[in-house]
Amino acid sequence: MKKYAAMLIALLVSAFIYLFYRTSQTAINQLFTIFFGDDFYLMIKSELQSNLKLPSQIIYSLPGALWVWVISIASRDVFILFKGKKISLVFLPLVVAISFEFFQHIHWINGHFDWWDIIYASIFWVLSFWSFNKQKRSFHDVNSTVHYKLIFLASYLLVFFAHVMG
């Protein structure tokens, strides 16, 4: 239970930073303004930014690193079956994070390439192996239960919600 609470808190911190410190052009920000309105959103964002200053490293690198930490914990004991062979998903979060930076560098997706994002993602990927490692581990096929499918779907949907739309 502590593991899931920590994972949820990490994702909420990420969402908070994206909502109130990053560009308004991300999908999560646009969704927020649909539900709460532009005026309310801009008022909260302005108040937070003037009263709670965050360093740029926190604003631009921490959310992605936290996502890598969460999905790495969720995927370290998970595999997919492909042609009768088990393929571990333990490297997938790091591969996705580095791929996004590469795609930004070659301008296939919106955003700016940043070595710090790769460094933070790598550090948090390594930290995920030390987090909650005393718990009993059992390996699961990602397709075996609705629980695992929902965790993976939700985790990778967060990448979409952080995507810059415009």
N, C-alpha and C. Protein backbone atom coordinates (compact mmCIF):
# COMPACT_ATOMS: atom_id res chain seq x y z
N MET A 1 0.82 -1.21 0.00
CA MET A 1 0.00 0.00 0.00
C MET A 1 0.86 1.26 0.00
N LYS A 2 1.98 1.24 0.76
CA LYS A 2 2.88 2.39 0.79
C LYS A 2 3.45 2.66 -0.60
N LYS A 3 3.72 1.59 -1.33
CA LYS A 3 4.27 1.73 -2.67
C LYS A 3 3.30 2.49 -3.56
N TYR A 4 2.03 2.11 -3.54
CA TYR A 4 1.05 2.76 -4.41
C TYR A 4 0.78 4.19 -3.98
N ALA A 5 0.83 4.46 -2.68
CA ALA A 5 0.66 5.82 -2.20
C ALA A 5 1.81 6.70 -2.66
N ALA A 6 3.03 6.19 -2.57
CA ALA A 6 4.20 6.95 -3.02
C ALA A 6 4.14 7.20 -4.52
N MET A 7 3.71 6.19 -5.26
CA MET A 7 3.60 6.34 -6.71
C MET A 7 2.54 7.38 -7.06
N LEU A 8 1.41 7.35 -6.38
CA LEU A 8 0.35 8.32 -6.62
C LEU A 8 0.83 9.74 -6.29
N ILE A 9 1.51 9.90 -5.17
CA ILE A 9 2.02 11.22 -4.79
C ILE A 9 3.00 11.74 -5.85
N ALA A 10 3.88 10.87 -6.33
CA ALA A 10 4.84 11.28 -7.36
C ALA A 10 4.12 11.75 -8.62
N LEU A 11 3.09 11.02 -9.02
CA LEU A 11 2.33 11.42 -10.22
C LEU A 11 1.56 12.71 -9.99
N LEU A 12 1.04 12.91 -8.78
CA LEU A 12 0.33 14.16 -8.47
C LEU A 12 1.27 15.35 -8.46
N VAL A 13 2.49 15.17 -7.95
CA VAL A 13 3.49 16.24 -7.98
C VAL A 13 3.80 16.59 -9.43
N SER A 14 3.97 15.58 -10.27
CA SER A 14 4.22 15.80 -11.69
C SER A 14 3.08 16.60 -12.33
N ALA A 15 1.86 16.16 -12.07
CA ALA A 15 0.69 16.83 -12.64
C ALA A 15 0.60 18.28 -12.16
N PHE A 16 0.89 18.50 -10.88
CA PHE A 16 0.87 19.85 -10.30
C PHE A 16 1.85 20.77 -11.03
N ILE A 17 3.07 20.26 -11.23
CA ILE A 17 4.08 21.06 -11.92
C ILE A 17 3.66 21.34 -13.36
N TYR A 18 3.15 20.33 -14.04
CA TYR A 18 2.70 20.54 -15.42
C TYR A 18 1.56 21.54 -15.49
N LEU A 19 0.63 21.43 -14.57
CA LEU A 19 -0.54 22.32 -14.60
C LEU A 19 -0.17 23.77 -14.35
N PHE A 20 0.68 24.01 -13.37
CA PHE A 20 0.85 25.37 -12.91
C PHE A 20 2.20 26.01 -13.21
N TYR A 21 3.14 25.27 -13.77
CA TYR A 21 4.46 25.84 -14.05
C TYR A 21 4.94 25.65 -15.49
N ARG A 22 4.26 24.83 -16.24
CA ARG A 22 4.68 24.59 -17.62
C ARG A 22 3.74 25.34 -18.56
N THR A 23 3.97 25.21 -19.83
CA THR A 23 3.16 25.91 -20.83
C THR A 23 1.68 25.52 -20.72
N SER A 24 0.84 26.44 -21.07
CA SER A 24 -0.61 26.18 -21.05
C SER A 24 -1.05 25.33 -22.24
N GLN A 25 -0.13 25.01 -23.13
CA GLN A 25 -0.46 24.27 -24.34
C GLN A 25 -0.41 22.75 -24.18
N THR A 26 -0.18 22.26 -22.97
CA THR A 26 -0.18 20.81 -22.78
C THR A 26 -1.62 20.31 -22.70
N ALA A 27 -1.80 19.06 -23.02
CA ALA A 27 -3.14 18.47 -23.02
C ALA A 27 -3.78 18.55 -21.64
N ILE A 28 -3.00 18.30 -20.58
CA ILE A 28 -3.57 18.33 -19.23
C ILE A 28 -4.05 19.74 -18.87
N ASN A 29 -3.31 20.76 -19.30
CA ASN A 29 -3.73 22.14 -19.01
C ASN A 29 -4.98 22.50 -19.79
N GLN A 30 -5.05 22.07 -21.03
CA GLN A 30 -6.24 22.34 -21.83
C GLN A 30 -7.45 21.63 -21.27
N LEU A 31 -7.27 20.42 -20.80
CA LEU A 31 -8.35 19.67 -20.17
C LEU A 31 -8.82 20.37 -18.89
N PHE A 32 -7.86 20.84 -18.09
CA PHE A 32 -8.18 21.55 -16.85
C PHE A 32 -9.02 22.80 -17.14
N THR A 33 -8.63 23.56 -18.17
CA THR A 33 -9.38 24.78 -18.48
C THR A 33 -10.78 24.49 -19.03
N ILE A 34 -10.95 23.35 -19.66
CA ILE A 34 -12.29 22.96 -20.12
C ILE A 34 -13.21 22.78 -18.92
N PHE A 35 -12.70 22.14 -17.88
CA PHE A 35 -13.53 21.87 -16.69
C PHE A 35 -13.67 23.06 -15.76
N PHE A 36 -12.60 23.88 -15.63
CA PHE A 36 -12.62 24.94 -14.63
C PHE A 36 -12.57 26.35 -15.20
N GLY A 37 -12.34 26.48 -16.47
CA GLY A 37 -12.32 27.80 -17.11
C GLY A 37 -10.95 28.44 -17.11
N ASP A 38 -10.73 29.26 -18.13
CA ASP A 38 -9.45 29.94 -18.29
C ASP A 38 -9.15 30.90 -17.15
N ASP A 39 -10.15 31.68 -16.75
CA ASP A 39 -9.92 32.69 -15.71
C ASP A 39 -9.48 32.05 -14.39
N PHE A 40 -10.18 31.00 -13.99
CA PHE A 40 -9.84 30.30 -12.75
C PHE A 40 -8.43 29.71 -12.84
N TYR A 41 -8.15 29.06 -13.96
CA TYR A 41 -6.83 28.45 -14.16
C TYR A 41 -5.72 29.49 -14.10
N LEU A 42 -5.89 30.59 -14.83
CA LEU A 42 -4.85 31.62 -14.87
C LEU A 42 -4.67 32.29 -13.52
N MET A 43 -5.75 32.44 -12.75
CA MET A 43 -5.64 33.04 -11.42
C MET A 43 -4.81 32.14 -10.50
N ILE A 44 -5.14 30.85 -10.49
CA ILE A 44 -4.40 29.90 -9.64
C ILE A 44 -2.94 29.82 -10.07
N LYS A 45 -2.71 29.72 -11.36
CA LYS A 45 -1.34 29.62 -11.89
C LYS A 45 -0.52 30.84 -11.51
N SER A 46 -1.09 32.01 -11.65
CA SER A 46 -0.40 33.25 -11.32
C SER A 46 -0.07 33.32 -9.83
N GLU A 47 -1.03 32.99 -9.00
CA GLU A 47 -0.81 33.01 -7.54
C GLU A 47 0.28 32.02 -7.13
N LEU A 48 0.21 30.83 -7.65
CA LEU A 48 1.21 29.82 -7.30
C LEU A 48 2.60 30.24 -7.75
N GLN A 49 2.72 30.71 -8.99
CA GLN A 49 4.04 31.07 -9.50
C GLN A 49 4.64 32.26 -8.77
N SER A 50 3.80 33.16 -8.28
CA SER A 50 4.35 34.31 -7.55
C SER A 50 4.64 33.98 -6.09
N ASN A 51 3.95 33.00 -5.52
CA ASN A 51 4.15 32.67 -4.11
C ASN A 51 4.98 31.41 -3.85
N LEU A 52 5.13 30.58 -4.85
CA LEU A 52 5.90 29.34 -4.70
C LEU A 52 6.84 29.22 -5.89
N LYS A 53 8.02 29.79 -5.73
CA LYS A 53 9.02 29.77 -6.80
C LYS A 53 9.68 28.40 -6.84
N LEU A 54 9.81 27.85 -8.04
CA LEU A 54 10.48 26.57 -8.23
C LEU A 54 11.64 26.76 -9.19
N PRO A 55 12.77 26.11 -8.92
CA PRO A 55 13.90 26.18 -9.85
C PRO A 55 13.56 25.52 -11.18
N SER A 56 14.19 25.97 -12.24
CA SER A 56 13.88 25.44 -13.58
C SER A 56 14.15 23.94 -13.67
N GLN A 57 15.16 23.43 -12.97
CA GLN A 57 15.43 21.98 -12.99
C GLN A 57 14.21 21.20 -12.46
N ILE A 58 13.57 21.73 -11.45
CA ILE A 58 12.37 21.08 -10.89
C ILE A 58 11.23 21.17 -11.90
N ILE A 59 11.05 22.32 -12.49
CA ILE A 59 9.95 22.54 -13.41
C ILE A 59 10.09 21.69 -14.67
N TYR A 60 11.29 21.62 -15.23
CA TYR A 60 11.44 21.01 -16.54
C TYR A 60 11.96 19.57 -16.53
N SER A 61 12.62 19.13 -15.48
CA SER A 61 13.18 17.78 -15.49
C SER A 61 12.53 16.83 -14.49
N LEU A 62 12.06 17.35 -13.37
CA LEU A 62 11.51 16.47 -12.33
C LEU A 62 10.24 15.72 -12.75
N PRO A 63 9.27 16.36 -13.42
CA PRO A 63 8.05 15.61 -13.76
C PRO A 63 8.32 14.35 -14.58
N GLY A 64 9.16 14.46 -15.57
CA GLY A 64 9.49 13.29 -16.39
C GLY A 64 10.24 12.24 -15.59
N ALA A 65 11.14 12.69 -14.72
CA ALA A 65 11.90 11.75 -13.88
C ALA A 65 10.97 11.01 -12.91
N LEU A 66 10.00 11.73 -12.36
CA LEU A 66 9.04 11.07 -11.45
C LEU A 66 8.21 10.05 -12.21
N TRP A 67 7.83 10.39 -13.43
CA TRP A 67 7.08 9.43 -14.24
C TRP A 67 7.92 8.18 -14.48
N VAL A 68 9.19 8.36 -14.81
CA VAL A 68 10.08 7.21 -15.04
C VAL A 68 10.16 6.37 -13.77
N TRP A 69 10.27 7.01 -12.61
CA TRP A 69 10.35 6.29 -11.33
C TRP A 69 9.09 5.45 -11.11
N VAL A 70 7.93 6.07 -11.32
CA VAL A 70 6.66 5.37 -11.09
C VAL A 70 6.49 4.20 -12.04
N ILE A 71 6.63 4.44 -13.31
CA ILE A 71 6.37 3.37 -14.28
C ILE A 71 7.46 2.31 -14.21
N SER A 72 8.66 2.68 -13.78
CA SER A 72 9.72 1.67 -13.60
C SER A 72 9.40 0.73 -12.44
N ILE A 73 8.86 1.29 -11.36
CA ILE A 73 8.44 0.44 -10.24
C ILE A 73 7.32 -0.49 -10.70
N ALA A 74 6.39 0.08 -11.45
CA ALA A 74 5.24 -0.72 -11.91
C ALA A 74 5.66 -1.79 -12.92
N SER A 75 6.73 -1.54 -13.66
CA SER A 75 7.06 -2.47 -14.73
C SER A 75 8.24 -3.40 -14.43
N ARG A 76 8.86 -3.27 -13.29
CA ARG A 76 10.07 -4.08 -13.07
C ARG A 76 9.78 -5.57 -12.94
N ASP A 77 8.57 -5.93 -12.59
CA ASP A 77 8.21 -7.34 -12.46
C ASP A 77 7.20 -7.77 -13.52
N VAL A 78 7.13 -7.02 -14.61
CA VAL A 78 6.12 -7.26 -15.62
C VAL A 78 6.80 -7.64 -16.95
N PHE A 79 6.13 -8.51 -17.67
CA PHE A 79 6.64 -8.92 -18.97
C PHE A 79 5.47 -9.05 -19.93
N ILE A 80 5.79 -9.14 -21.21
CA ILE A 80 4.79 -9.49 -22.20
C ILE A 80 5.24 -10.79 -22.84
N LEU A 81 4.28 -11.55 -23.28
CA LEU A 81 4.59 -12.78 -24.01
C LEU A 81 4.57 -12.46 -25.49
N PHE A 82 5.66 -12.75 -26.15
CA PHE A 82 5.76 -12.52 -27.58
C PHE A 82 6.31 -13.78 -28.21
N LYS A 83 5.47 -14.43 -28.99
CA LYS A 83 5.84 -15.69 -29.65
C LYS A 83 6.39 -16.70 -28.64
N GLY A 84 5.72 -16.78 -27.49
CA GLY A 84 6.08 -17.76 -26.47
C GLY A 84 7.26 -17.38 -25.60
N LYS A 85 7.84 -16.20 -25.81
CA LYS A 85 8.99 -15.76 -25.01
C LYS A 85 8.58 -14.61 -24.10
N LYS A 86 9.11 -14.63 -22.88
CA LYS A 86 8.87 -13.54 -21.94
C LYS A 86 9.83 -12.40 -22.23
N ILE A 87 9.26 -11.21 -22.43
CA ILE A 87 10.07 -10.02 -22.66
C ILE A 87 9.82 -9.06 -21.50
N SER A 88 10.86 -8.81 -20.72
CA SER A 88 10.75 -7.91 -19.57
C SER A 88 10.50 -6.49 -20.03
N LEU A 89 9.68 -5.78 -19.28
CA LEU A 89 9.38 -4.37 -19.59
C LEU A 89 10.18 -3.42 -18.71
N VAL A 90 11.17 -3.92 -18.02
CA VAL A 90 11.93 -3.12 -17.06
C VAL A 90 12.67 -1.96 -17.71
N PHE A 91 13.10 -2.11 -18.96
CA PHE A 91 13.83 -1.03 -19.63
C PHE A 91 12.91 -0.07 -20.39
N LEU A 92 11.66 -0.44 -20.56
CA LEU A 92 10.75 0.36 -21.37
C LEU A 92 10.63 1.82 -20.93
N PRO A 93 10.46 2.13 -19.64
CA PRO A 93 10.34 3.54 -19.25
C PRO A 93 11.56 4.38 -19.62
N LEU A 94 12.75 3.83 -19.42
CA LEU A 94 13.96 4.56 -19.75
C LEU A 94 14.08 4.74 -21.27
N VAL A 95 13.75 3.71 -22.01
CA VAL A 95 13.78 3.79 -23.47
C VAL A 95 12.80 4.85 -23.96
N VAL A 96 11.60 4.88 -23.40
CA VAL A 96 10.60 5.89 -23.80
C VAL A 96 11.10 7.30 -23.49
N ALA A 97 11.65 7.50 -22.28
CA ALA A 97 12.13 8.83 -21.89
C ALA A 97 13.26 9.31 -22.80
N ILE A 98 14.22 8.45 -23.08
CA ILE A 98 15.34 8.83 -23.94
C ILE A 98 14.87 9.02 -25.38
N SER A 99 13.95 8.18 -25.82
CA SER A 99 13.40 8.32 -27.17
C SER A 99 12.69 9.66 -27.34
N PHE A 100 11.93 10.08 -26.33
CA PHE A 100 11.25 11.37 -26.42
C PHE A 100 12.26 12.50 -26.59
N GLU A 101 13.35 12.44 -25.84
CA GLU A 101 14.37 13.48 -25.96
C GLU A 101 14.98 13.47 -27.36
N PHE A 102 15.27 12.28 -27.86
CA PHE A 102 15.83 12.16 -29.21
C PHE A 102 14.84 12.72 -30.25
N PHE A 103 13.57 12.36 -30.12
CA PHE A 103 12.56 12.84 -31.07
C PHE A 103 12.40 14.36 -30.99
N GLN A 104 12.56 14.92 -29.79
CA GLN A 104 12.54 16.38 -29.66
C GLN A 104 13.75 16.99 -30.35
N HIS A 105 14.89 16.33 -30.21
CA HIS A 105 16.13 16.84 -30.81
C HIS A 105 16.04 16.89 -32.34
N ILE A 106 15.39 15.90 -32.94
CA ILE A 106 15.27 15.89 -34.40
C ILE A 106 13.94 16.51 -34.86
N HIS A 107 13.22 17.12 -33.92
CA HIS A 107 12.00 17.89 -34.19
C HIS A 107 10.85 17.03 -34.75
N TRP A 108 10.79 15.79 -34.34
CA TRP A 108 9.64 14.96 -34.70
C TRP A 108 8.47 15.20 -33.77
N ILE A 109 8.76 15.63 -32.53
CA ILE A 109 7.70 15.98 -31.57
C ILE A 109 8.05 17.33 -30.97
N ASN A 110 7.04 18.00 -30.42
CA ASN A 110 7.25 19.30 -29.79
C ASN A 110 8.10 19.14 -28.53
N GLY A 111 8.84 20.18 -28.22
CA GLY A 111 9.66 20.19 -27.02
C GLY A 111 11.11 20.50 -27.35
N HIS A 112 11.90 20.58 -26.30
CA HIS A 112 13.31 20.92 -26.44
C HIS A 112 14.17 19.80 -25.88
N PHE A 113 15.14 19.37 -26.66
CA PHE A 113 16.08 18.36 -26.19
C PHE A 113 16.84 18.90 -24.99
N ASP A 114 17.00 18.05 -23.95
CA ASP A 114 17.69 18.48 -22.75
C ASP A 114 18.43 17.29 -22.14
N TRP A 115 19.76 17.41 -22.05
CA TRP A 115 20.55 16.34 -21.43
C TRP A 115 20.12 16.10 -19.99
N TRP A 116 19.72 17.17 -19.29
CA TRP A 116 19.29 17.00 -17.89
C TRP A 116 18.10 16.07 -17.78
N ASP A 117 17.19 16.11 -18.73
CA ASP A 117 16.05 15.19 -18.72
C ASP A 117 16.52 13.74 -18.80
N ILE A 118 17.50 13.49 -19.64
CA ILE A 118 18.03 12.14 -19.76
C ILE A 118 18.75 11.73 -18.47
N ILE A 119 19.52 12.64 -17.90
CA ILE A 119 20.24 12.34 -16.65
C ILE A 119 19.25 12.06 -15.52
N TYR A 120 18.26 12.93 -15.35
CA TYR A 120 17.26 12.73 -14.30
C TYR A 120 16.49 11.42 -14.51
N ALA A 121 16.08 11.17 -15.74
CA ALA A 121 15.34 9.93 -16.02
C ALA A 121 16.19 8.71 -15.69
N SER A 122 17.46 8.75 -16.03
CA SER A 122 18.34 7.62 -15.73
C SER A 122 18.53 7.42 -14.23
N ILE A 123 18.72 8.52 -13.51
CA ILE A 123 18.87 8.43 -12.05
C ILE A 123 17.61 7.87 -11.40
N PHE A 124 16.45 8.37 -11.80
CA PHE A 124 15.20 7.90 -11.20
C PHE A 124 14.88 6.47 -11.62
N TRP A 125 15.33 6.07 -12.80
CA TRP A 125 15.16 4.67 -13.22
C TRP A 125 15.97 3.76 -12.30
N VAL A 126 17.22 4.16 -12.01
CA VAL A 126 18.06 3.38 -11.09
C VAL A 126 17.44 3.38 -9.69
N LEU A 127 16.97 4.54 -9.23
CA LEU A 127 16.35 4.63 -7.90
C LEU A 127 15.13 3.73 -7.78
N SER A 128 14.45 3.50 -8.87
CA SER A 128 13.26 2.65 -8.81
C SER A 128 13.60 1.23 -8.37
N PHE A 129 14.81 0.79 -8.61
CA PHE A 129 15.20 -0.56 -8.21
C PHE A 129 15.44 -0.66 -6.70
N TRP A 130 15.78 0.46 -6.07
CA TRP A 130 15.99 0.46 -4.62
C TRP A 130 14.69 0.76 -3.87
N SER A 131 13.71 1.27 -4.57
CA SER A 131 12.44 1.61 -3.94
C SER A 131 11.59 0.35 -3.76
N PHE A 132 11.19 0.10 -2.55
CA PHE A 132 10.27 -1.00 -2.24
C PHE A 132 10.82 -2.35 -2.66
N ASN A 133 12.14 -2.52 -2.62
CA ASN A 133 12.72 -3.79 -3.08
C ASN A 133 12.64 -4.90 -2.05
N LYS A 134 12.20 -4.62 -0.83
CA LYS A 134 12.08 -5.66 0.20
C LYS A 134 10.76 -6.39 0.11
N GLN A 135 9.85 -5.86 -0.70
CA GLN A 135 8.56 -6.51 -0.83
C GLN A 135 8.68 -7.77 -1.67
N LYS A 136 7.81 -8.71 -1.39
CA LYS A 136 7.79 -9.95 -2.15
C LYS A 136 7.52 -9.63 -3.61
N ARG A 137 8.35 -10.18 -4.49
CA ARG A 137 8.21 -9.91 -5.91
C ARG A 137 7.67 -11.13 -6.61
N SER A 138 6.74 -10.87 -7.52
CA SER A 138 6.25 -11.93 -8.39
C SER A 138 6.08 -11.33 -9.77
N PHE A 139 6.41 -12.12 -10.77
CA PHE A 139 6.38 -11.61 -12.14
C PHE A 139 5.01 -11.83 -12.75
N HIS A 140 4.58 -10.85 -13.55
CA HIS A 140 3.25 -10.87 -14.12
C HIS A 140 3.29 -10.55 -15.60
N ASP A 141 2.44 -11.22 -16.33
CA ASP A 141 2.21 -10.86 -17.73
C ASP A 141 1.33 -9.61 -17.72
N VAL A 142 1.74 -8.58 -18.44
CA VAL A 142 0.99 -7.32 -18.44
C VAL A 142 -0.45 -7.54 -18.90
N ASN A 143 -0.68 -8.54 -19.68
CA ASN A 143 -2.03 -8.82 -20.16
C ASN A 143 -2.83 -9.73 -19.24
N SER A 144 -2.24 -10.14 -18.09
CA SER A 144 -2.88 -11.15 -17.26
C SER A 144 -4.07 -10.63 -16.46
N THR A 145 -4.02 -9.37 -16.04
CA THR A 145 -5.13 -8.85 -15.24
C THR A 145 -5.49 -7.44 -15.68
N VAL A 146 -6.69 -7.05 -15.36
CA VAL A 146 -7.14 -5.69 -15.65
C VAL A 146 -6.30 -4.69 -14.86
N HIS A 147 -5.89 -5.07 -13.63
CA HIS A 147 -5.10 -4.20 -12.76
C HIS A 147 -3.83 -3.74 -13.47
N TYR A 148 -3.08 -4.66 -14.02
CA TYR A 148 -1.83 -4.30 -14.70
C TYR A 148 -2.09 -3.52 -15.98
N LYS A 149 -3.12 -3.88 -16.70
CA LYS A 149 -3.43 -3.14 -17.92
C LYS A 149 -3.78 -1.69 -17.58
N LEU A 150 -4.54 -1.48 -16.51
CA LEU A 150 -4.93 -0.12 -16.12
C LEU A 150 -3.73 0.70 -15.67
N ILE A 151 -2.81 0.08 -14.90
CA ILE A 151 -1.61 0.80 -14.46
C ILE A 151 -0.80 1.26 -15.67
N PHE A 152 -0.60 0.36 -16.62
CA PHE A 152 0.18 0.73 -17.80
C PHE A 152 -0.54 1.75 -18.65
N LEU A 153 -1.81 1.58 -18.85
CA LEU A 153 -2.56 2.53 -19.64
C LEU A 153 -2.52 3.92 -19.00
N ALA A 154 -2.78 3.98 -17.70
CA ALA A 154 -2.77 5.27 -16.99
C ALA A 154 -1.39 5.92 -17.02
N SER A 155 -0.36 5.13 -16.83
CA SER A 155 1.00 5.67 -16.81
C SER A 155 1.41 6.24 -18.16
N TYR A 156 1.07 5.54 -19.21
CA TYR A 156 1.46 6.03 -20.53
C TYR A 156 0.51 7.12 -21.03
N LEU A 157 -0.72 7.17 -20.52
CA LEU A 157 -1.61 8.28 -20.83
C LEU A 157 -1.07 9.59 -20.27
N LEU A 158 -0.38 9.50 -19.14
CA LEU A 158 0.21 10.70 -18.56
C LEU A 158 1.21 11.35 -19.52
N VAL A 159 1.90 10.53 -20.28
CA VAL A 159 2.83 11.07 -21.27
C VAL A 159 2.05 11.88 -22.30
N PHE A 160 0.89 11.38 -22.71
CA PHE A 160 0.05 12.12 -23.65
C PHE A 160 -0.40 13.44 -23.03
N PHE A 161 -0.87 13.40 -21.77
CA PHE A 161 -1.38 14.61 -21.14
C PHE A 161 -0.29 15.66 -20.94
N ALA A 162 0.96 15.25 -20.89
CA ALA A 162 2.06 16.19 -20.76
C ALA A 162 2.52 16.74 -22.11
N HIS A 163 2.02 16.14 -23.18
CA HIS A 163 2.44 16.53 -24.52
C HIS A 163 1.96 17.94 -24.85
N VAL A 164 2.82 18.71 -25.47
CA VAL A 164 2.46 20.05 -25.92
C VAL A 164 1.64 19.94 -27.19
N MET A 165 0.44 20.49 -27.16
CA MET A 165 -0.50 20.32 -28.25
C MET A 165 -0.29 21.32 -29.39
N GLY A 166 0.16 22.52 -29.07
CA GLY A 166 0.21 23.53 -30.12
C GLY A 166 1.59 23.93 -30.54
